[in-house]
C-alpha atoms as a PDB file:
ATOM      1  CA  MET A   1       0.000   0.000   0.000  1.00  0.00           C
ATOM      2  CA  TYR A   2       1.213   3.486  -0.773  1.00  0.00           C
ATOM      3  CA  VAL A   3       1.881   5.522   2.339  1.00  0.00           C
ATOM      4  CA  CYS A   4       3.336   8.564   0.599  1.00  0.00           C
ATOM      5  CA  ILE A   5       1.919   9.445  -2.798  1.00  0.00           C
ATOM      6  CA  CYS A   6       4.256  12.451  -3.181  1.00  0.00           C
ATOM      7  CA  ASN A   7       7.384  10.267  -3.009  1.00  0.00           C
ATOM      8  CA  GLY A   8       5.912   6.910  -4.045  1.00  0.00           C
ATOM      9  CA  ILE A   9       6.834   5.274  -0.718  1.00  0.00           C
ATOM     10  CA  THR A  10       5.029   2.094   0.279  1.00  0.00           C
ATOM     11  CA  ASP A  11       4.565   0.344   3.592  1.00  0.00           C
ATOM     12  CA  LYS A  12       7.040  -2.299   2.385  1.00  0.00           C
ATOM     13  CA  ASP A  13       9.635   0.426   1.758  1.00  0.00           C
ATOM     14  CA  ILE A  14       9.211   1.712   5.305  1.00  0.00           C
ATOM     15  CA  LYS A  15       9.290  -1.759   6.864  1.00  0.00           C
ATOM     16  CA  GLY A  16      12.418  -2.625   4.882  1.00  0.00           C
ATOM     17  CA  ALA A  17      14.171   0.591   5.882  1.00  0.00           C
ATOM     18  CA  VAL A  18      13.482  -0.104   9.548  1.00  0.00           C
ATOM     19  CA  ALA A  19      14.544  -3.747   9.328  1.00  0.00           C
ATOM     20  CA  GLU A  20      17.684  -3.247   7.263  1.00  0.00           C
ATOM     21  CA  GLY A  21      18.640   0.382   7.556  1.00  0.00           C
ATOM     22  CA  GLY A  22      18.714   0.790  11.292  1.00  0.00           C
ATOM     23  CA  VAL A  23      16.509   3.872  11.189  1.00  0.00           C
ATOM     24  CA  ASN A  24      14.587   4.880  14.291  1.00  0.00           C
ATOM     25  CA  ASP A  25      11.926   7.335  13.145  1.00  0.00           C
ATOM     26  CA  ALA A  26       9.925   8.319  10.082  1.00  0.00           C
ATOM     27  CA  GLU A  27      12.218  11.199   9.116  1.00  0.00           C
ATOM     28  CA  GLU A  28      15.215   8.850   9.096  1.00  0.00           C
ATOM     29  CA  VAL A  29      13.235   6.389   6.957  1.00  0.00           C
ATOM     30  CA  TYR A  30      12.513   9.058   4.369  1.00  0.00           C
ATOM     31  CA  MET A  31      16.135  10.242   4.365  1.00  0.00           C
ATOM     32  CA  SER A  32      17.350   6.654   3.903  1.00  0.00           C
ATOM     33  CA  LEU A  33      15.010   6.369   0.908  1.00  0.00           C
ATOM     34  CA  GLY A  34      16.339   9.623  -0.563  1.00  0.00           C
ATOM     35  CA  SER A  35      13.220  11.631   0.211  1.00  0.00           C
ATOM     36  CA  SER A  36      11.669  13.944   2.751  1.00  0.00           C
ATOM     37  CA  PHE A  37       8.122  14.802   3.759  1.00  0.00           C
ATOM     38  CA  CYS A  38       6.393  16.987   1.182  1.00  0.00           C
ATOM     39  CA  CYS A  39       2.784  17.706   2.123  1.00  0.00           C
ATOM     40  CA  GLY A  40       2.990  15.833   5.443  1.00  0.00           C
ATOM     41  CA  GLN A  41      -0.237  13.853   5.042  1.00  0.00           C
ATOM     42  CA  CYS A  42       1.684  10.569   5.344  1.00  0.00           C
ATOM     43  CA  LYS A  43       3.679  11.437   8.454  1.00  0.00           C
ATOM     44  CA  ASP A  44       1.312   9.892  11.024  1.00  0.00           C
ATOM     45  CA  CYS A  45       0.989   6.672   9.049  1.00  0.00           C
ATOM     46  CA  ALA A  46       4.758   6.464   8.487  1.00  0.00           C
ATOM     47  CA  GLU A  47       5.464   7.061  12.170  1.00  0.00           C
ATOM     48  CA  SER A  48       2.932   4.399  13.103  1.00  0.00           C
ATOM     49  CA  LEU A  49       4.581   1.866  10.790  1.00  0.00           C
ATOM     50  CA  VAL A  50       8.019   2.651  12.210  1.00  0.00           C
ATOM     51  CA  ALA A  51       6.704   2.307  15.775  1.00  0.00           C
ATOM     52  CA  HIS A  52       5.191  -1.061  14.850  1.00  0.00           C
ATOM     53  CA  GLU A  53       8.323  -2.390  13.119  1.00  0.00           C
ATOM     54  CA  LEU A  54      11.015  -1.056  15.456  1.00  0.00           C
ATOM     55  CA  PRO A  55      10.415  -3.572  18.279  1.00  0.00           C
ATOM     56  CA  LYS A  56      10.724  -6.406  15.743  1.00  0.00           C
ATOM     57  CA  ARG A  57      14.164  -5.169  14.688  1.00  0.00           C
ATOM     58  CA  LEU A  58      15.291  -4.759  18.272  1.00  0.00           C
ATOM     59  CA  LEU A  59      14.034  -8.234  19.158  1.00  0.00           C
ATOM     60  CA  LEU A  60      15.930  -9.810  16.246  1.00  0.00           C
ATOM     61  CA  ALA A  61      19.084  -7.888  17.190  1.00  0.00           C
ATOM     62  CA  ALA A  62      18.912  -9.233  20.729  1.00  0.00           C
ATOM     63  CA  GLU A  63      18.778 -12.841  19.558  1.00  0.00           C
END
């Protein structure tokens, strides 16, 4: 699903950036994908996805 229409960023892009890129918030995700927030309509959704995926990355790192 597209999260950010302005930059063409999907939920899979965000999840992948968190899992592989070591990013910790939505702004870092966008920077790692070579973008930044444009209109800002996607920010809440992006932050929610990061918050949901971050514990998974931390759990895998602890194993």
